[in-house]
Amino acid sequence: MPHLYLVDGSGYIFRAYHRLPPLTNKHGEPVGAVYGYTTMLWKLVDELNKADGPTHMAVILDKSEHTFRNEMYDQYKAHRPPAPEDLVPQFPMIRDATRAFSLPCIEELGWEADDLIASYTKAALAQGWSVTIVSSDKDLMQLMTDPSVDMLDTMNNRRLGPKDTEEKFGVGPEKLGEVLALMGDSVDNVPGVKESGPRPRRS
């Protein structure tokens, strides 16, 4: 059975940028994020190839900061500062580096990487494929309603399934969207319903 791996490239980029000290190449250009990103991507590909690796793989990136959500709600991510000045020139290099791995680098103007990951996941499932989403993003946990979908959290080196959604939020993936809507998201500046959220589990 074809097995598609979808890598949340934006998550890799910012992890690499904040984890490594500033590095420059011989031309004085910042390349710390590029180095960290390619190191993580190489490790992922190498480990998957040694195991029961994917038959298909793609890296999904954010094309721009402005998406259709900003049209729906003008305060969406309004409090977020722009990308660091020394990270911006590294984005084209990261795209080139991804293609050097012979991996598709997919992005779409007006859409977030999450949207594309969800769309490709649904399309792959419709063809009878299995899908693994390489990310630790809680929003993407909604996609694990089908047993053919799981997540690989490379930050903690573990696989995630529907039980992890229930353990963290008290509901399965099929109800997670409703819970997240009630909770809101301070990171994205999305207000929720006051005093709403998952009920703590009793021991």
C-alpha atoms as a PDB file:
ATOM      1  CA  MET A   1       0.000   0.000   0.000  1.00  0.00           C
ATOM      2  CA  PRO A   2       1.385   3.482  -0.841  1.00  0.00           C
ATOM      3  CA  HIS A   3       2.418   5.384   2.271  1.00  0.00           C
ATOM      4  CA  LEU A   4       2.667   9.173   2.034  1.00  0.00           C
ATOM      5  CA  TYR A   5       4.738  11.191   4.501  1.00  0.00           C
ATOM      6  CA  LEU A   6       3.901  14.908   4.722  1.00  0.00           C
ATOM      7  CA  VAL A   7       6.547  16.962   6.506  1.00  0.00           C
ATOM      8  CA  ASP A   8       5.528  20.199   8.225  1.00  0.00           C
ATOM      9  CA  GLY A   9       8.551  22.103   6.927  1.00  0.00           C
ATOM     10  CA  SER A  10       7.715  25.353   8.706  1.00  0.00           C
ATOM     11  CA  GLY A  11       7.946  23.605  12.057  1.00  0.00           C
ATOM     12  CA  TYR A  12      11.388  22.288  11.126  1.00  0.00           C
ATOM     13  CA  ILE A  13      12.580  25.731  10.022  1.00  0.00           C
ATOM     14  CA  PHE A  14      11.698  27.558  13.229  1.00  0.00           C
ATOM     15  CA  ARG A  15      12.994  24.748  15.419  1.00  0.00           C
ATOM     16  CA  ALA A  16      16.303  24.921  13.553  1.00  0.00           C
ATOM     17  CA  TYR A  17      16.473  28.719  13.743  1.00  0.00           C
ATOM     18  CA  HIS A  18      15.914  28.897  17.497  1.00  0.00           C
ATOM     19  CA  ARG A  19      18.024  25.850  18.344  1.00  0.00           C
ATOM     20  CA  LEU A  20      21.289  26.848  16.636  1.00  0.00           C
ATOM     21  CA  PRO A  21      23.551  29.860  17.136  1.00  0.00           C
ATOM     22  CA  PRO A  22      23.865  32.333  14.253  1.00  0.00           C
ATOM     23  CA  LEU A  23      25.949  30.842  11.448  1.00  0.00           C
ATOM     24  CA  THR A  24      27.120  32.419   8.190  1.00  0.00           C
ATOM     25  CA  ASN A  25      28.594  31.061   4.976  1.00  0.00           C
ATOM     26  CA  LYS A  26      31.758  32.306   3.262  1.00  0.00           C
ATOM     27  CA  HIS A  27      29.755  35.171   1.731  1.00  0.00           C
ATOM     28  CA  GLY A  28      28.622  36.368   5.157  1.00  0.00           C
ATOM     29  CA  GLU A  29      25.014  35.245   4.571  1.00  0.00           C
ATOM     30  CA  PRO A  30      23.072  33.772   7.519  1.00  0.00           C
ATOM     31  CA  VAL A  31      22.655  29.999   7.100  1.00  0.00           C
ATOM     32  CA  GLY A  32      22.034  28.658  10.614  1.00  0.00           C
ATOM     33  CA  ALA A  33      18.411  27.739   9.909  1.00  0.00           C
ATOM     34  CA  VAL A  34      19.377  26.152   6.586  1.00  0.00           C
ATOM     35  CA  TYR A  35      21.997  23.992   8.282  1.00  0.00           C
ATOM     36  CA  GLY A  36      19.681  22.932  11.110  1.00  0.00           C
ATOM     37  CA  TYR A  37      16.774  22.276   8.758  1.00  0.00           C
ATOM     38  CA  THR A  38      18.788  20.114   6.370  1.00  0.00           C
ATOM     39  CA  THR A  39      20.331  18.205   9.278  1.00  0.00           C
ATOM     40  CA  MET A  40      16.886  17.361  10.663  1.00  0.00           C
ATOM     41  CA  LEU A  41      15.522  16.484   7.228  1.00  0.00           C
ATOM     42  CA  TRP A  42      18.499  14.221   6.481  1.00  0.00           C
ATOM     43  CA  LYS A  43      18.069  12.460   9.852  1.00  0.00           C
ATOM     44  CA  LEU A  44      14.370  11.920   9.147  1.00  0.00           C
ATOM     45  CA  VAL A  45      14.936  10.542   5.649  1.00  0.00           C
ATOM     46  CA  ASP A  46      17.798   8.312   6.788  1.00  0.00           C
ATOM     47  CA  GLU A  47      15.841   6.828   9.693  1.00  0.00           C
ATOM     48  CA  LEU A  48      12.734   6.237   7.581  1.00  0.00           C
ATOM     49  CA  ASN A  49      14.746   4.548   4.840  1.00  0.00           C
ATOM     50  CA  LYS A  50      16.251   2.167   7.403  1.00  0.00           C
ATOM     51  CA  ALA A  51      12.785   1.352   8.729  1.00  0.00           C
ATOM     52  CA  ASP A  52       9.617   0.704   6.739  1.00  0.00           C
ATOM     53  CA  GLY A  53      10.023   3.921   4.819  1.00  0.00           C
ATOM     54  CA  PRO A  54       7.531   5.963   2.815  1.00  0.00           C
ATOM     55  CA  THR A  55       6.693   5.291  -0.803  1.00  0.00           C
ATOM     56  CA  HIS A  56       5.952   9.011  -1.270  1.00  0.00           C
ATOM     57  CA  MET A  57       7.125  12.083   0.615  1.00  0.00           C
ATOM     58  CA  ALA A  58       6.761  15.857   0.394  1.00  0.00           C
ATOM     59  CA  VAL A  59       7.699  18.909   2.442  1.00  0.00           C
ATOM     60  CA  ILE A  60       4.903  21.440   2.963  1.00  0.00           C
ATOM     61  CA  LEU A  61       5.748  25.101   3.620  1.00  0.00           C
ATOM     62  CA  ASP A  62       3.923  28.353   4.312  1.00  0.00           C
ATOM     63  CA  LYS A  63       4.013  30.548   1.204  1.00  0.00           C
ATOM     64  CA  SER A  64       3.231  33.839   2.930  1.00  0.00           C
ATOM     65  CA  GLU A  65       1.963  35.244   6.219  1.00  0.00           C
ATOM     66  CA  HIS A  66      -1.328  36.514   4.735  1.00  0.00           C
ATOM     67  CA  THR A  67      -3.967  33.834   4.120  1.00  0.00           C
ATOM     68  CA  PHE A  68      -7.708  33.597   3.637  1.00  0.00           C
ATOM     69  CA  ARG A  69      -8.077  33.562   7.438  1.00  0.00           C
ATOM     70  CA  ASN A  70      -6.937  37.166   7.578  1.00  0.00           C
ATOM     71  CA  GLU A  71      -9.847  38.037   5.308  1.00  0.00           C
ATOM     72  CA  MET A  72     -12.247  36.257   7.678  1.00  0.00           C
ATOM     73  CA  TYR A  73     -10.758  37.740  10.863  1.00  0.00           C
ATOM     74  CA  ASP A  74      -8.445  40.737  10.587  1.00  0.00           C
ATOM     75  CA  GLN A  75      -6.900  40.091  14.013  1.00  0.00           C
ATOM     76  CA  TYR A  76      -5.725  36.609  13.069  1.00  0.00           C
ATOM     77  CA  LYS A  77      -2.066  36.358  14.162  1.00  0.00           C
ATOM     78  CA  ALA A  78      -2.116  40.167  14.428  1.00  0.00           C
ATOM     79  CA  HIS A  79       0.169  40.202  17.486  1.00  0.00           C
ATOM     80  CA  ARG A  80       2.856  38.036  15.870  1.00  0.00           C
ATOM     81  CA  PRO A  81       6.060  39.854  14.944  1.00  0.00           C
ATOM     82  CA  PRO A  82       7.409  39.401  11.416  1.00  0.00           C
ATOM     83  CA  ALA A  83       9.957  36.680  10.758  1.00  0.00           C
ATOM     84  CA  PRO A  84      13.438  37.547  12.114  1.00  0.00           C
ATOM     85  CA  GLU A  85      15.442  39.661   9.710  1.00  0.00           C
ATOM     86  CA  ASP A  86      18.258  37.115   9.441  1.00  0.00           C
ATOM     87  CA  LEU A  87      15.824  34.258   8.782  1.00  0.00           C
ATOM     88  CA  VAL A  88      14.049  35.808   5.790  1.00  0.00           C
ATOM     89  CA  PRO A  89      16.957  35.432   3.294  1.00  0.00           C
ATOM     90  CA  GLN A  90      17.289  31.790   4.321  1.00  0.00           C
ATOM     91  CA  PHE A  91      13.819  30.810   3.066  1.00  0.00           C
ATOM     92  CA  PRO A  92      14.858  30.576  -0.637  1.00  0.00           C
ATOM     93  CA  MET A  93      17.936  28.548   0.349  1.00  0.00           C
ATOM     94  CA  ILE A  94      15.756  26.171   2.362  1.00  0.00           C
ATOM     95  CA  ARG A  95      13.485  25.641  -0.636  1.00  0.00           C
ATOM     96  CA  ASP A  96      16.511  24.898  -2.831  1.00  0.00           C
ATOM     97  CA  ALA A  97      17.914  22.540  -0.200  1.00  0.00           C
ATOM     98  CA  THR A  98      14.611  20.650  -0.017  1.00  0.00           C
ATOM     99  CA  ARG A  99      14.597  20.105  -3.778  1.00  0.00           C
ATOM    100  CA  ALA A 100      18.229  18.968  -3.566  1.00  0.00           C
ATOM    101  CA  PHE A 101      16.896  16.048  -1.505  1.00  0.00           C
ATOM    102  CA  SER A 102      14.720  15.227  -4.550  1.00  0.00           C
ATOM    103  CA  LEU A 103      11.673  16.038  -2.429  1.00  0.00           C
ATOM    104  CA  PRO A 104       8.718  18.124  -3.617  1.00  0.00           C
ATOM    105  CA  CYS A 105       8.541  21.478  -1.845  1.00  0.00           C
ATOM    106  CA  ILE A 106       4.846  22.384  -1.840  1.00  0.00           C
ATOM    107  CA  GLU A 107       3.366  25.777  -0.951  1.00  0.00           C
ATOM    108  CA  GLU A 108       0.370  27.793  -2.099  1.00  0.00           C
ATOM    109  CA  LEU A 109      -0.279  31.525  -1.888  1.00  0.00           C
ATOM    110  CA  GLY A 110      -3.146  32.336   0.484  1.00  0.00           C
ATOM    111  CA  TRP A 111      -3.042  28.988   2.269  1.00  0.00           C
ATOM    112  CA  GLU A 112      -1.188  27.751   5.317  1.00  0.00           C
ATOM    113  CA  ALA A 113       0.909  24.607   5.364  1.00  0.00           C
ATOM    114  CA  ASP A 114      -1.720  23.024   7.649  1.00  0.00           C
ATOM    115  CA  ASP A 115      -4.381  23.514   4.985  1.00  0.00           C
ATOM    116  CA  LEU A 116      -2.255  21.833   2.342  1.00  0.00           C
ATOM    117  CA  ILE A 117      -1.355  18.967   4.660  1.00  0.00           C
ATOM    118  CA  ALA A 118      -5.044  18.396   5.374  1.00  0.00           C
ATOM    119  CA  SER A 119      -5.933  18.525   1.668  1.00  0.00           C
ATOM    120  CA  TYR A 120      -3.198  16.084   0.637  1.00  0.00           C
ATOM    121  CA  THR A 121      -4.130  13.778   3.510  1.00  0.00           C
ATOM    122  CA  LYS A 122      -7.764  13.623   2.401  1.00  0.00           C
ATOM    123  CA  ALA A 123      -6.758  13.127  -1.244  1.00  0.00           C
ATOM    124  CA  ALA A 124      -4.363  10.311  -0.333  1.00  0.00           C
ATOM    125  CA  LEU A 125      -6.976   8.564   1.816  1.00  0.00           C
ATOM    126  CA  ALA A 126      -9.441   8.730  -1.060  1.00  0.00           C
ATOM    127  CA  GLN A 127      -6.898   6.747  -3.116  1.00  0.00           C
ATOM    128  CA  GLY A 128      -6.543   4.133  -0.386  1.00  0.00           C
ATOM    129  CA  TRP A 129      -3.137   5.330   0.818  1.00  0.00           C
ATOM    130  CA  SER A 130      -1.764   5.522   4.359  1.00  0.00           C
ATOM    131  CA  VAL A 131      -0.540   8.912   5.575  1.00  0.00           C
ATOM    132  CA  THR A 132       1.943   9.978   8.237  1.00  0.00           C
ATOM    133  CA  ILE A 133       2.087  13.662   9.131  1.00  0.00           C
ATOM    134  CA  VAL A 134       5.519  14.668  10.424  1.00  0.00           C
ATOM    135  CA  SER A 135       4.587  17.340  12.934  1.00  0.00           C
ATOM    136  CA  SER A 136       3.681  17.957  16.567  1.00  0.00           C
ATOM    137  CA  ASP A 137       1.055  20.607  15.711  1.00  0.00           C
ATOM    138  CA  LYS A 138      -2.087  20.016  17.770  1.00  0.00           C
ATOM    139  CA  ASP A 139      -4.317  21.364  14.984  1.00  0.00           C
ATOM    140  CA  LEU A 140      -3.229  18.528  12.694  1.00  0.00           C
ATOM    141  CA  MET A 141      -4.342  15.929  15.238  1.00  0.00           C
ATOM    142  CA  GLN A 142      -7.867  16.449  13.875  1.00  0.00           C
ATOM    143  CA  LEU A 143      -6.836  14.494  10.773  1.00  0.00           C
ATOM    144  CA  MET A 144      -6.401  11.210  12.639  1.00  0.00           C
ATOM    145  CA  THR A 145     -10.065  10.266  12.361  1.00  0.00           C
ATOM    146  CA  ASP A 146      -9.090   7.567   9.855  1.00  0.00           C
ATOM    147  CA  PRO A 147      -6.984   4.620  11.125  1.00  0.00           C
ATOM    148  CA  SER A 148      -4.737   5.029   8.074  1.00  0.00           C
ATOM    149  CA  VAL A 149      -3.491   8.391   9.386  1.00  0.00           C
ATOM    150  CA  ASP A 150      -0.957   8.886  12.152  1.00  0.00           C
ATOM    151  CA  MET A 151       1.558  11.537  13.170  1.00  0.00           C
ATOM    152  CA  LEU A 152       5.293  11.401  13.770  1.00  0.00           C
ATOM    153  CA  ASP A 153       6.493  13.822  16.429  1.00  0.00           C
ATOM    154  CA  THR A 154      10.215  14.056  15.707  1.00  0.00           C
ATOM    155  CA  MET A 155      10.740  16.512  18.565  1.00  0.00           C
ATOM    156  CA  ASN A 156       9.890  13.769  21.068  1.00  0.00           C
ATOM    157  CA  ASN A 157      10.644  10.837  18.754  1.00  0.00           C
ATOM    158  CA  ARG A 158       7.237   9.174  19.014  1.00  0.00           C
ATOM    159  CA  ARG A 159       4.246   8.193  16.926  1.00  0.00           C
ATOM    160  CA  LEU A 160       0.884   9.745  17.711  1.00  0.00           C
ATOM    161  CA  GLY A 161      -2.548   8.234  17.200  1.00  0.00           C
ATOM    162  CA  PRO A 162      -6.172   8.916  18.195  1.00  0.00           C
ATOM    163  CA  LYS A 163      -5.524   7.801  21.787  1.00  0.00           C
ATOM    164  CA  ASP A 164      -3.009  10.625  22.169  1.00  0.00           C
ATOM    165  CA  THR A 165      -5.710  13.117  21.202  1.00  0.00           C
ATOM    166  CA  GLU A 166      -8.056  11.669  23.806  1.00  0.00           C
ATOM    167  CA  GLU A 167      -5.312  11.696  26.426  1.00  0.00           C
ATOM    168  CA  LYS A 168      -4.418  15.328  25.798  1.00  0.00           C
ATOM    169  CA  PHE A 169      -7.808  16.881  25.103  1.00  0.00           C
ATOM    170  CA  GLY A 170     -10.365  14.408  26.455  1.00  0.00           C
ATOM    171  CA  VAL A 171     -11.953  13.853  23.037  1.00  0.00           C
ATOM    172  CA  GLY A 172     -11.116  11.939  19.884  1.00  0.00           C
ATOM    173  CA  PRO A 173      -9.881  13.566  16.664  1.00  0.00           C
ATOM    174  CA  GLU A 174     -13.437  13.863  15.305  1.00  0.00           C
ATOM    175  CA  LYS A 175     -14.370  16.276  18.140  1.00  0.00           C
ATOM    176  CA  LEU A 176     -11.041  18.069  18.445  1.00  0.00           C
ATOM    177  CA  GLY A 177     -11.997  20.924  16.102  1.00  0.00           C
ATOM    178  CA  GLU A 178     -14.925  21.830  18.354  1.00  0.00           C
ATOM    179  CA  VAL A 179     -12.749  21.752  21.480  1.00  0.00           C
ATOM    180  CA  LEU A 180     -10.066  23.920  19.877  1.00  0.00           C
ATOM    181  CA  ALA A 181     -12.719  26.407  18.747  1.00  0.00           C
ATOM    182  CA  LEU A 182     -13.998  26.690  22.325  1.00  0.00           C
ATOM    183  CA  MET A 183     -10.479  26.989  23.738  1.00  0.00           C
ATOM    184  CA  GLY A 184      -9.255  29.549  21.232  1.00  0.00           C
ATOM    185  CA  ASP A 185      -5.556  29.881  20.470  1.00  0.00           C
ATOM    186  CA  SER A 186      -3.406  32.601  22.002  1.00  0.00           C
ATOM    187  CA  VAL A 187      -0.569  31.795  19.576  1.00  0.00           C
ATOM    188  CA  ASP A 188      -2.784  32.664  16.598  1.00  0.00           C
ATOM    189  CA  ASN A 189      -4.669  35.409  18.488  1.00  0.00           C
ATOM    190  CA  VAL A 190      -7.956  33.510  18.141  1.00  0.00           C
ATOM    191  CA  PRO A 191     -10.358  34.174  21.038  1.00  0.00           C
ATOM    192  CA  GLY A 192     -12.200  31.245  22.541  1.00  0.00           C
ATOM    193  CA  VAL A 193     -15.196  30.989  24.820  1.00  0.00           C
ATOM    194  CA  LYS A 194     -14.382  32.310  28.289  1.00  0.00           C
ATOM    195  CA  GLU A 195     -13.540  29.630  30.856  1.00  0.00           C
ATOM    196  CA  SER A 196     -13.884  26.868  28.260  1.00  0.00           C
ATOM    197  CA  GLY A 197     -11.393  24.081  27.664  1.00  0.00           C
ATOM    198  CA  PRO A 198     -10.765  20.394  28.197  1.00  0.00           C
ATOM    199  CA  ARG A 199     -11.842  19.075  31.590  1.00  0.00           C
ATOM    200  CA  PRO A 200      -8.905  17.757  33.634  1.00  0.00           C
ATOM    201  CA  ARG A 201      -8.919  13.986  33.914  1.00  0.00           C
ATOM    202  CA  ARG A 202      -9.338  12.554  37.393  1.00  0.00           C
ATOM    203  CA  SER A 203      -6.951   9.858  38.543  1.00  0.00           C
END
